[in-house]
Amino acid sequence: MDIILLGGSNSVVKNGLRIGLENKDITLHNYALGLSTSLQNLYELIRHEKTINKSDFLISESNINDYLSPMSLNIILRNIDYFYEELYKANKITIVLILPIPACNDKSKAINEAHRKNCAYYGFNLIDVDLYYQKNNLYDFDQNYKFHPMPLAMQELGKNIIKNLHSFKKSKENIICSKRKFHIFAPSNLAKIEHKNSFFCEKTTKIKAGEKIIFPKELKNYQILGIHTWNHTSSSTHAISSINIENSSFKLVKNFGLINTFQDIQNEKAICDEQTFLYVNTQIIKQSEESSGLSIANEKTPRLDYVDLIGILLLENDNTRIEYKNHPTNAHDSLIPPIAFYKELVLEYHELKKLDMQTFLQSQNHNLLRFLNHKGLKNEYEIFIHQNNKLYGASLRIKERLSYKLGEAIMKNSKSYLNCFKIPFELRKVKKEHFKNQKDQKNLPPLKAYADYKHAQIAKTHLPYLLGNALLRASRTPFKIGYLSLPFKLKKIAKNYKKKI
């Protein structure tokens, strides 16, 4: 059975999704490429049309890279629509993953909705991991993985997909599509050079400075959508190639790094005429648009006098627009591993390790003080520490306050209705334990004496501190009347906090 995988680095990363999809009964064709958007997925559909025609399933994920793209949102959404129509034309059982974007803003919402809308319209099978994260409040946890959702969980998702291939449905039939025509151009009159590593193998065309590549006249009125390169050099890890494409109507200057990369084109006026040409720019000229994963070059950035070009994606100028209507989605969210449970395990392990370390350090410190006391050096040691060491741990001091502990108890027990009834008892227990341990907190220096005092101020903006503070304020009102409005205040605090993150 043949499966095509399209996507970004989440489909390439070690121990991630692709490992879960690999199986002795499966031939996996992985056309994913890091830092590449839905447009690169479309490019691969065109480039590997013969292999795709023989395949059984298509799996796609690209929403995270769509979000990370420096292109304008209108261009990103346009390219998403282009991609899904070509995906539908491939006529395969299609599975789309919407992975979590750890940034809840208008851009991420628009991109995810564009993917959901297209999945519903064409009848693709959808696994909405982002929605799962949203429901289980996992975005903060996921930020540790920097746009690569827990790889082992993604590996488990891949295994679940393979186990349940029989449950995925075919796409809708007889949907009217546009007559868009895409084309991939690469110079045919120059020698091909093979570049390869442990994952990729590509045939490139080396275009040197001084060479001018003329676009064929048959590409007149075709719009340039994206460019695929893979520059090889041993001179510098920070060098770039700069490509100029121009004719009488437009001039495009675009930079490319050394990795295998597909870059979308922002300029909608980049339309070929009979005299469109490409050449390598060795001069220090500002690029006309930003490139994904590439910092802006300056006069000190080394420039290659060549570019290793793989292909240029073009579209025959077409203004067709698809009108989308609301359609039910083929959702398969039950295949998502229990990542919320994994989070609890990770946090529990982290707390146990932290407790072990604190116990060990306290034991060592106790032994040291006993030894110094035995030698009559304890006073000299304390004077030395006070004079030479900066104090750290201001945020820990805040987290040891009663307000923070009460807030943590509220959050921990508000995840289910059953646990909500336990809250008063848990709060009483926390309060009792806190005052029991207050002796250890006496004679500590003021917070402003700590080198990381700013961290304490940040800790005061954390949700547990805000909730606990509101509870303490309510308890200090005459006749405890503040408790009547407390539930509403806590709900408002939590809502405002979620808006900020």
Protein backbone atom coordinates (compact mmCIF):
# COMPACT_ATOMS: atom_id res chain seq x y z
CA MET A 1 0.00 0.00 0.00
CA ASP A 2 1.41 3.42 -1.00
CA ILE A 3 0.97 6.54 1.13
CA ILE A 4 2.01 10.07 0.16
CA LEU A 5 3.05 12.42 2.98
CA LEU A 6 3.01 16.18 2.38
CA GLY A 7 3.97 18.79 4.95
CA GLY A 8 6.73 20.61 6.80
CA SER A 9 9.36 19.70 9.36
CA ASN A 10 6.77 17.94 11.55
CA SER A 11 6.72 15.24 8.86
CA VAL A 12 10.52 15.09 8.78
CA VAL A 13 11.53 15.50 12.43
CA LYS A 14 13.22 12.56 14.19
CA ASN A 15 10.87 10.27 16.17
CA GLY A 16 7.85 12.17 14.87
CA LEU A 17 4.87 11.55 12.57
CA ARG A 18 6.72 9.81 9.74
CA ILE A 19 8.14 7.13 12.09
CA GLY A 20 4.61 6.27 13.17
CA LEU A 21 3.48 6.01 9.54
CA GLU A 22 6.31 3.66 8.57
CA ASN A 23 5.13 0.06 8.51
CA LYS A 24 6.22 -3.19 6.85
CA ASP A 25 3.00 -3.20 4.78
CA ILE A 26 3.33 0.49 3.81
CA THR A 27 5.44 2.24 1.18
CA LEU A 28 5.73 5.81 2.44
CA HIS A 29 6.65 8.52 -0.08
CA ASN A 30 7.63 11.51 2.04
CA TYR A 31 7.63 14.78 0.07
CA ALA A 32 7.60 17.02 3.14
CA LEU A 33 10.03 19.94 3.42
CA GLY A 34 10.77 22.14 6.43
CA LEU A 35 9.70 25.81 6.45
CA SER A 36 7.42 25.20 3.47
CA THR A 37 3.76 26.14 3.13
CA SER A 38 0.72 24.62 1.42
CA LEU A 39 2.16 25.90 -1.86
CA GLN A 40 5.09 23.47 -1.57
CA ASN A 41 2.56 20.67 -1.02
CA LEU A 42 0.86 21.72 -4.27
CA TYR A 43 4.26 21.84 -6.00
CA GLU A 44 4.94 18.24 -4.93
CA LEU A 45 1.52 17.13 -6.22
CA ILE A 46 2.48 18.45 -9.66
CA ARG A 47 6.09 17.24 -9.51
CA HIS A 48 5.31 13.68 -8.43
CA GLU A 49 2.04 13.25 -10.31
CA LYS A 50 2.91 9.75 -11.60
CA THR A 51 3.77 8.38 -8.16
CA ILE A 52 0.70 10.01 -6.62
CA ASN A 53 -1.58 8.50 -9.27
CA LYS A 54 -0.42 5.03 -8.14
CA SER A 55 -0.83 5.76 -4.42
CA ASP A 56 -3.73 4.82 -2.14
CA PHE A 57 -3.74 7.57 0.49
CA LEU A 58 -2.62 11.21 0.81
CA ILE A 59 -1.72 12.69 4.20
CA SER A 60 -1.13 16.44 4.52
CA GLU A 61 -0.09 18.88 7.26
CA SER A 62 1.00 22.44 6.54
CA ASN A 63 -0.95 24.86 8.74
CA ILE A 64 2.00 25.58 11.09
CA ASN A 65 4.28 26.56 8.20
CA ASP A 66 1.48 28.60 6.66
CA TYR A 67 1.39 30.53 9.93
CA LEU A 68 5.18 30.99 10.05
CA SER A 69 5.34 32.26 6.46
CA PRO A 70 6.36 35.94 6.04
CA MET A 71 3.89 36.27 3.15
CA SER A 72 0.78 38.43 3.52
CA LEU A 73 -2.26 36.62 4.91
CA ASN A 74 -4.20 37.10 1.64
CA ILE A 75 -1.47 35.29 -0.33
CA ILE A 76 -1.30 32.49 2.26
CA LEU A 77 -5.08 31.94 2.18
CA ARG A 78 -5.10 32.05 -1.63
CA ASN A 79 -2.37 29.39 -1.81
CA ILE A 80 -4.22 27.18 0.69
CA ASP A 81 -7.26 27.25 -1.60
CA TYR A 82 -5.09 26.48 -4.64
CA PHE A 83 -3.55 23.50 -2.85
CA TYR A 84 -6.81 21.93 -1.71
CA GLU A 85 -8.33 22.05 -5.16
CA GLU A 86 -5.31 20.22 -6.60
CA LEU A 87 -5.46 17.79 -3.67
CA TYR A 88 -9.06 17.03 -4.61
CA LYS A 89 -8.14 16.55 -8.26
CA ALA A 90 -5.64 13.85 -7.20
CA ASN A 91 -8.74 11.74 -6.39
CA LYS A 92 -7.27 9.84 -3.42
CA ILE A 93 -8.49 9.11 0.08
CA THR A 94 -7.12 12.21 1.81
CA ILE A 95 -6.29 12.76 5.49
CA VAL A 96 -5.54 16.30 6.70
CA LEU A 97 -3.89 17.09 10.03
CA ILE A 98 -4.36 20.52 11.59
CA LEU A 99 -1.50 20.71 14.09
CA PRO A 100 -1.43 23.08 17.09
CA ILE A 101 -0.14 26.60 16.53
CA PRO A 102 1.09 27.88 19.93
CA ALA A 103 -0.13 31.41 19.21
CA CYS A 104 -3.83 32.22 19.40
CA ASN A 105 -4.24 35.30 17.21
CA ASP A 106 -6.21 36.42 14.16
CA LYS A 107 -3.64 35.03 11.72
CA SER A 108 -3.56 31.53 13.23
CA LYS A 109 -7.37 31.43 13.45
CA ALA A 110 -7.80 32.52 9.81
CA ILE A 111 -5.30 29.92 8.56
CA ASN A 112 -6.79 27.05 10.56
CA GLU A 113 -10.31 28.00 9.48
CA ALA A 114 -9.17 28.02 5.82
CA HIS A 115 -7.94 24.43 6.23
CA ARG A 116 -11.13 23.33 8.03
CA LYS A 117 -13.34 25.03 5.41
CA ASN A 118 -11.56 23.27 2.53
CA CYS A 119 -11.66 19.88 4.28
CA ALA A 120 -15.41 20.21 4.76
CA TYR A 121 -15.98 21.44 1.20
CA TYR A 122 -14.10 18.60 -0.49
CA GLY A 123 -15.01 15.92 2.05
CA PHE A 124 -11.47 15.21 3.25
CA ASN A 125 -10.84 13.31 6.47
CA LEU A 126 -9.78 15.74 9.19
CA ILE A 127 -7.76 15.15 12.37
CA ASP A 128 -7.90 18.47 14.21
CA VAL A 129 -5.09 18.34 16.78
CA ASP A 130 -5.25 22.12 17.21
CA LEU A 131 -8.87 21.92 18.38
CA TYR A 132 -7.87 19.14 20.81
CA TYR A 133 -5.17 21.43 22.25
CA GLN A 134 -7.68 24.25 22.52
CA LYS A 135 -10.22 22.13 24.44
CA ASN A 136 -7.56 20.73 26.80
CA ASN A 137 -5.66 24.01 27.37
CA LEU A 138 -2.37 22.58 26.05
CA TYR A 139 -0.93 25.59 24.23
CA ASP A 140 1.33 26.64 27.12
CA PHE A 141 2.63 23.09 27.40
CA ASP A 142 3.26 22.90 23.65
CA GLN A 143 5.37 26.09 23.58
CA ASN A 144 8.25 24.02 24.95
CA TYR A 145 8.35 22.15 21.62
CA LYS A 146 8.62 25.30 19.46
CA PHE A 147 6.06 24.53 16.72
CA HIS A 148 6.92 20.79 16.77
CA PRO A 149 4.12 19.19 18.81
CA MET A 150 5.45 16.45 21.14
CA PRO A 151 7.19 14.21 18.52
CA LEU A 152 6.46 10.94 20.34
CA ALA A 153 2.76 11.85 20.54
CA MET A 154 2.80 12.63 16.79
CA GLN A 155 4.49 9.27 16.22
CA GLU A 156 1.65 7.61 18.13
CA LEU A 157 -0.85 9.54 15.98
CA GLY A 158 0.89 8.16 12.87
CA LYS A 159 0.53 4.61 14.20
CA ASN A 160 -3.17 5.19 14.94
CA ILE A 161 -3.70 6.43 11.37
CA ILE A 162 -2.11 3.28 9.92
CA LYS A 163 -4.18 1.02 12.20
CA ASN A 164 -7.38 2.76 11.12
CA LEU A 165 -6.88 3.31 7.38
CA HIS A 166 -10.09 1.34 6.74
CA SER A 167 -12.13 4.00 8.58
CA PHE A 168 -11.21 6.90 6.28
CA LYS A 169 -13.76 7.91 3.66
CA LYS A 170 -13.35 8.92 0.03
CA SER A 171 -13.71 12.56 -0.93
CA LYS A 172 -16.94 13.96 -2.31
CA GLU A 173 -17.74 13.27 -5.94
CA ASN A 174 -18.48 15.60 -8.84
CA ILE A 175 -17.31 18.87 -7.30
CA ILE A 176 -16.84 21.40 -10.10
CA CYS A 177 -13.22 22.65 -10.16
CA SER A 178 -11.52 25.55 -11.87
CA LYS A 179 -9.42 25.13 -15.02
CA ARG A 180 -6.21 26.34 -13.42
CA LYS A 181 -3.02 24.99 -14.96
CA PHE A 182 0.20 24.76 -13.00
CA HIS A 183 3.61 24.30 -14.53
CA ILE A 184 7.12 23.63 -13.18
CA PHE A 185 9.94 25.27 -15.08
CA ALA A 186 13.62 24.29 -14.87
CA PRO A 187 16.25 25.10 -17.52
CA SER A 188 16.66 22.07 -19.77
CA ASN A 189 19.81 23.24 -21.59
CA LEU A 190 22.08 23.13 -18.52
CA ALA A 191 23.66 20.13 -16.81
CA LYS A 192 21.95 18.59 -13.77
CA ILE A 193 23.86 18.04 -10.53
CA GLU A 194 22.59 15.64 -7.88
CA HIS A 195 22.51 16.87 -4.28
CA LYS A 196 21.67 14.37 -1.56
CA ASN A 197 21.82 13.78 2.18
CA SER A 198 20.32 11.20 4.54
CA PHE A 199 16.80 12.42 3.77
CA PHE A 200 16.65 14.33 0.46
CA CYS A 201 17.87 13.65 -3.06
CA GLU A 202 17.36 16.34 -5.72
CA LYS A 203 18.65 17.13 -9.21
CA THR A 204 19.65 20.77 -9.37
CA THR A 205 20.72 23.12 -12.15
CA LYS A 206 23.68 25.36 -11.28
CA ILE A 207 23.09 28.84 -12.67
CA LYS A 208 26.27 30.93 -12.46
CA ALA A 209 26.72 34.68 -12.29
CA GLY A 210 26.69 36.16 -15.77
CA GLU A 211 24.28 33.53 -17.13
CA LYS A 212 20.83 34.65 -18.16
CA ILE A 213 17.95 32.15 -18.15
CA ILE A 214 15.14 33.11 -20.52
CA PHE A 215 11.67 31.83 -19.66
CA PRO A 216 10.04 29.96 -22.59
CA LYS A 217 7.53 31.97 -24.60
CA GLU A 218 4.91 29.30 -23.86
CA LEU A 219 4.89 30.57 -20.26
CA LYS A 220 3.59 33.98 -21.32
CA ASN A 221 0.85 35.13 -18.89
CA TYR A 222 1.90 32.53 -16.30
CA GLN A 223 2.29 33.87 -12.77
CA ILE A 224 5.40 32.91 -10.73
CA LEU A 225 4.22 31.40 -7.44
CA GLY A 226 7.30 29.79 -5.85
CA ILE A 227 10.96 28.84 -6.31
CA HIS A 228 12.73 25.66 -5.14
CA THR A 229 16.52 25.74 -4.52
CA TRP A 230 19.21 23.81 -2.68
CA ASN A 231 22.53 25.64 -2.64
CA HIS A 232 25.70 23.69 -1.85
CA THR A 233 28.88 25.32 -0.61
CA SER A 234 31.73 24.62 1.79
CA SER A 235 32.83 28.24 2.21
CA SER A 236 30.31 29.58 4.72
CA THR A 237 27.29 28.39 6.64
CA HIS A 238 25.70 31.85 6.41
CA ALA A 239 26.06 32.57 2.69
CA ILE A 240 23.09 33.37 0.47
CA SER A 241 22.20 33.33 -3.19
CA SER A 242 20.21 36.21 -4.61
CA ILE A 243 18.00 35.67 -7.66
CA ASN A 244 16.63 38.40 -9.92
CA ILE A 245 13.64 37.69 -12.14
CA GLU A 246 12.42 40.55 -14.28
CA ASN A 247 10.78 41.81 -17.44
CA SER A 248 9.33 45.14 -18.55
CA SER A 249 6.50 44.91 -15.97
CA PHE A 250 8.17 43.76 -12.75
CA LYS A 251 11.46 43.08 -11.00
CA LEU A 252 11.75 40.43 -8.28
CA VAL A 253 14.78 40.11 -5.96
CA LYS A 254 14.68 37.05 -3.70
CA ASN A 255 17.28 35.57 -1.34
CA PHE A 256 17.90 31.86 -0.74
CA GLY A 257 19.99 30.15 1.94
CA LEU A 258 21.92 26.89 1.84
CA ILE A 259 19.18 24.45 2.87
CA ASN A 260 16.77 22.61 0.62
CA THR A 261 13.98 25.19 0.52
CA PHE A 262 10.85 26.19 -1.36
CA GLN A 263 10.05 29.90 -1.15
CA ASP A 264 6.62 31.37 -1.93
CA ILE A 265 6.48 34.52 -4.05
CA GLN A 266 4.54 37.50 -2.69
CA ASN A 267 4.53 39.70 -5.80
CA GLU A 268 1.24 39.13 -7.64
CA LYS A 269 2.57 41.17 -10.58
CA ALA A 270 5.28 38.57 -11.26
CA ILE A 271 3.66 37.46 -14.52
CA CYS A 272 5.76 36.27 -17.43
CA ASP A 273 5.82 37.94 -20.82
CA GLU A 274 7.87 37.01 -23.89
CA GLN A 275 11.06 38.51 -22.43
CA THR A 276 11.12 37.36 -18.79
CA PHE A 277 14.55 36.28 -17.60
CA LEU A 278 16.38 35.10 -14.46
CA TYR A 279 19.94 35.73 -13.33
CA VAL A 280 22.08 35.50 -10.19
CA ASN A 281 22.61 38.79 -8.43
CA THR A 282 26.05 39.25 -6.83
CA GLN A 283 25.53 42.92 -5.95
CA ILE A 284 24.35 44.15 -2.55
CA ILE A 285 20.73 44.84 -3.49
CA LYS A 286 17.90 44.75 -0.98
CA GLN A 287 15.52 41.86 -1.59
CA SER A 288 12.04 42.88 -2.68
CA GLU A 289 10.37 40.44 -0.29
CA GLU A 290 11.27 38.33 2.74
CA SER A 291 12.16 34.64 2.57
CA SER A 292 11.05 31.99 5.10
CA GLY A 293 13.68 30.98 7.64
CA LEU A 294 16.20 33.51 6.34
CA SER A 295 17.24 36.61 8.23
CA ILE A 296 17.56 39.83 6.25
CA ALA A 297 20.95 39.98 4.56
CA ASN A 298 23.28 42.95 4.91
CA GLU A 299 26.53 44.11 3.28
CA LYS A 300 28.54 41.67 5.42
CA THR A 301 26.56 38.59 4.38
CA PRO A 302 28.63 36.39 2.01
CA ARG A 303 26.99 36.01 -1.40
CA LEU A 304 27.37 33.02 -3.69
CA ASP A 305 28.02 33.68 -7.37
CA TYR A 306 25.58 30.92 -8.35
CA VAL A 307 22.28 29.34 -7.38
CA ASP A 308 21.40 25.63 -7.41
CA LEU A 309 17.89 25.74 -8.84
CA ILE A 310 15.48 22.77 -8.70
CA GLY A 311 12.28 24.25 -10.11
CA ILE A 312 9.96 27.25 -10.42
CA LEU A 313 6.22 26.83 -9.91
CA LEU A 314 3.98 28.88 -12.19
CA LEU A 315 0.24 29.25 -12.70
CA GLU A 316 -1.53 30.08 -15.91
CA ASN A 317 -3.29 33.33 -15.09
CA ASP A 318 -6.74 32.43 -13.84
CA ASN A 319 -9.21 34.49 -11.79
CA THR A 320 -11.63 31.70 -10.89
CA ARG A 321 -13.01 31.94 -7.34
CA ILE A 322 -14.65 29.09 -5.45
CA GLU A 323 -17.70 29.84 -3.29
CA TYR A 324 -17.62 27.74 -0.12
CA LYS A 325 -20.70 26.70 1.83
CA ASN A 326 -21.03 25.08 5.23
CA HIS A 327 -20.51 21.32 5.05
CA PRO A 328 -20.12 18.62 7.72
CA THR A 329 -16.54 17.47 8.33
CA ASN A 330 -15.25 13.88 8.34
CA ALA A 331 -13.62 14.23 11.76
CA HIS A 332 -11.35 11.51 13.17
CA ASP A 333 -10.22 13.21 16.38
CA SER A 334 -10.51 9.93 18.30
CA LEU A 335 -7.17 8.94 16.73
CA ILE A 336 -5.36 11.73 18.62
CA PRO A 337 -3.29 10.23 21.47
CA PRO A 338 -4.16 11.36 25.04
CA ILE A 339 -1.70 14.26 25.01
CA ALA A 340 -3.51 15.92 27.94
CA PHE A 341 -2.67 12.84 30.02
CA TYR A 342 0.93 12.92 28.76
CA LYS A 343 1.14 16.51 29.98
CA GLU A 344 0.07 15.48 33.50
CA LEU A 345 2.69 12.73 33.51
CA VAL A 346 5.44 15.12 32.41
CA LEU A 347 4.48 17.71 35.03
CA GLU A 348 4.28 15.08 37.77
CA TYR A 349 7.72 13.73 36.86
CA HIS A 350 9.13 17.28 36.76
CA GLU A 351 7.73 18.04 40.24
CA LEU A 352 9.18 14.80 41.66
CA LYS A 353 12.62 15.56 40.18
CA LYS A 354 12.46 19.10 41.54
CA LEU A 355 11.52 17.76 44.98
CA ASP A 356 14.41 15.25 44.87
CA MET A 357 16.85 18.02 43.94
CA GLN A 358 15.58 20.33 46.68
CA THR A 359 15.88 17.52 49.26
CA PHE A 360 19.42 16.75 48.10
CA LEU A 361 20.52 20.41 48.22
CA GLN A 362 18.95 20.93 51.63
CA SER A 363 20.76 17.83 52.92
CA GLN A 364 24.09 19.02 51.51
CA ASN A 365 23.61 22.51 52.92
CA HIS A 366 22.72 21.08 56.34
CA ASN A 367 25.88 18.93 56.37
CA LEU A 368 28.03 21.90 55.31
CA LEU A 369 26.67 24.12 58.10
CA ARG A 370 27.23 21.37 60.68
CA PHE A 371 30.84 21.02 59.56
CA LEU A 372 31.45 24.79 59.62
CA ASN A 373 29.82 25.05 63.05
CA HIS A 374 32.05 22.24 64.30
CA LYS A 375 35.12 24.15 63.05
CA GLY A 376 33.87 27.46 64.42
CA LEU A 377 33.60 28.99 60.94
CA LYS A 378 29.84 29.38 60.58
CA ASN A 379 29.75 33.18 61.25
CA GLU A 380 32.63 33.87 58.83
CA TYR A 381 30.91 31.73 56.13
CA GLU A 382 27.60 33.62 56.46
CA ILE A 383 29.40 37.01 56.26
CA PHE A 384 31.29 35.85 53.14
CA ILE A 385 28.10 34.61 51.43
CA HIS A 386 26.27 37.84 52.24
CA GLN A 387 29.10 40.00 50.83
CA ASN A 388 29.91 38.00 47.67
CA ASN A 389 26.77 36.22 46.51
CA LYS A 390 23.77 37.66 44.73
CA LEU A 391 20.44 36.38 45.93
CA TYR A 392 18.22 34.46 43.47
CA GLY A 393 14.80 32.91 43.85
CA ALA A 394 12.43 35.91 43.97
CA SER A 395 9.79 34.16 41.84
CA LEU A 396 9.95 31.11 44.15
CA ARG A 397 9.20 33.44 47.07
CA ILE A 398 6.03 34.60 45.27
CA LYS A 399 5.02 31.01 44.56
CA GLU A 400 5.40 30.24 48.27
CA ARG A 401 2.84 32.92 49.17
CA LEU A 402 -0.60 31.82 50.31
CA SER A 403 -2.35 33.58 47.41
CA TYR A 404 -0.35 31.60 44.82
CA LYS A 405 -0.94 28.26 46.59
CA LEU A 406 -4.67 28.92 46.91
CA GLY A 407 -4.84 29.83 43.22
CA GLU A 408 -3.09 26.59 42.27
CA ALA A 409 -5.60 24.62 44.36
CA ILE A 410 -8.50 26.36 42.61
CA MET A 411 -7.07 25.59 39.13
CA LYS A 412 -6.28 21.98 39.99
CA ASN A 413 -9.78 21.24 41.25
CA SER A 414 -11.84 23.21 38.73
CA LYS A 415 -11.30 20.87 35.80
CA SER A 416 -14.40 18.79 36.60
CA TYR A 417 -17.71 19.38 38.38
CA LEU A 418 -16.94 16.60 40.86
CA ASN A 419 -13.66 18.19 41.92
CA CYS A 420 -15.32 21.60 42.30
CA PHE A 421 -17.07 20.33 45.44
CA LYS A 422 -13.65 19.53 46.91
CA ILE A 423 -12.36 23.10 46.51
CA PRO A 424 -13.37 24.46 49.98
CA PHE A 425 -11.75 21.48 51.71
CA GLU A 426 -8.60 21.73 49.56
CA LEU A 427 -8.30 25.46 50.28
CA ARG A 428 -8.60 24.83 54.01
CA LYS A 429 -5.90 22.15 53.79
CA VAL A 430 -3.56 24.44 51.81
CA LYS A 431 -4.09 27.29 54.30
CA LYS A 432 -3.36 25.03 57.27
CA GLU A 433 -0.15 23.67 55.67
CA HIS A 434 0.98 27.17 54.72
CA PHE A 435 0.77 28.61 58.23
CA LYS A 436 2.39 25.48 59.65
CA ASN A 437 5.48 26.12 57.48
CA GLN A 438 5.59 29.90 57.97
CA LYS A 439 8.37 29.59 60.57
CA ASP A 440 10.86 28.77 57.79
CA GLN A 441 10.02 32.02 55.96
CA LYS A 442 10.93 34.40 58.81
CA ASN A 443 13.92 36.75 58.63
CA LEU A 444 14.21 36.47 54.82
CA PRO A 445 15.57 39.54 52.98
CA PRO A 446 13.10 41.80 51.11
CA LEU A 447 12.25 40.83 47.52
CA LYS A 448 14.04 43.90 46.11
CA ALA A 449 17.31 42.48 47.46
CA TYR A 450 17.12 39.62 44.95
CA ALA A 451 19.00 39.81 41.63
CA ASP A 452 15.96 38.34 39.84
CA TYR A 453 13.41 40.67 41.43
CA LYS A 454 11.81 41.23 38.00
CA HIS A 455 10.88 37.55 37.86
CA ALA A 456 8.86 38.03 41.05
CA GLN A 457 6.86 40.79 39.33
CA ILE A 458 6.19 38.44 36.41
CA ALA A 459 5.08 35.68 38.81
CA LYS A 460 2.48 38.10 40.17
CA THR A 461 0.82 38.11 36.73
CA HIS A 462 0.42 34.32 36.70
CA LEU A 463 -3.13 32.98 36.84
CA PRO A 464 -2.74 31.11 40.19
CA TYR A 465 -1.57 34.32 41.92
CA LEU A 466 -4.43 36.37 40.43
CA LEU A 467 -7.06 33.80 41.47
CA GLY A 468 -5.64 33.37 44.96
CA ASN A 469 -5.37 37.13 45.46
CA ALA A 470 -9.05 37.56 44.55
CA LEU A 471 -9.97 34.85 47.05
CA LEU A 472 -7.99 36.50 49.86
CA ARG A 473 -9.54 39.92 49.11
CA ALA A 474 -13.02 38.36 49.28
CA SER A 475 -12.19 36.76 52.64
CA ARG A 476 -11.25 40.17 54.08
CA THR A 477 -14.55 41.86 53.24
CA PRO A 478 -17.03 42.58 56.11
CA PHE A 479 -19.05 39.48 57.01
CA LYS A 480 -17.25 37.66 54.12
CA ILE A 481 -19.79 39.21 51.72
CA GLY A 482 -17.16 39.18 48.98
CA TYR A 483 -17.67 35.42 48.62
CA LEU A 484 -21.06 36.03 46.93
CA SER A 485 -19.48 37.60 43.84
CA LEU A 486 -16.24 35.59 43.99
CA PRO A 487 -17.18 32.85 41.44
CA PHE A 488 -17.97 35.53 38.83
CA LYS A 489 -14.75 37.41 39.57
CA LEU A 490 -12.67 34.22 39.28
CA LYS A 491 -14.32 33.37 35.95
CA LYS A 492 -13.63 36.90 34.63
CA ILE A 493 -9.97 36.73 35.74
CA ALA A 494 -9.49 33.38 33.98
CA LYS A 495 -11.18 34.68 30.80
CA ASN A 496 -9.04 37.84 30.67
CA TYR A 497 -5.90 35.80 31.30
CA LYS A 498 -6.65 33.48 28.35
CA LYS A 499 -7.09 36.49 26.07
CA LYS A 500 -3.60 37.74 26.94
CA ILE A 501 -1.76 34.49 26.20
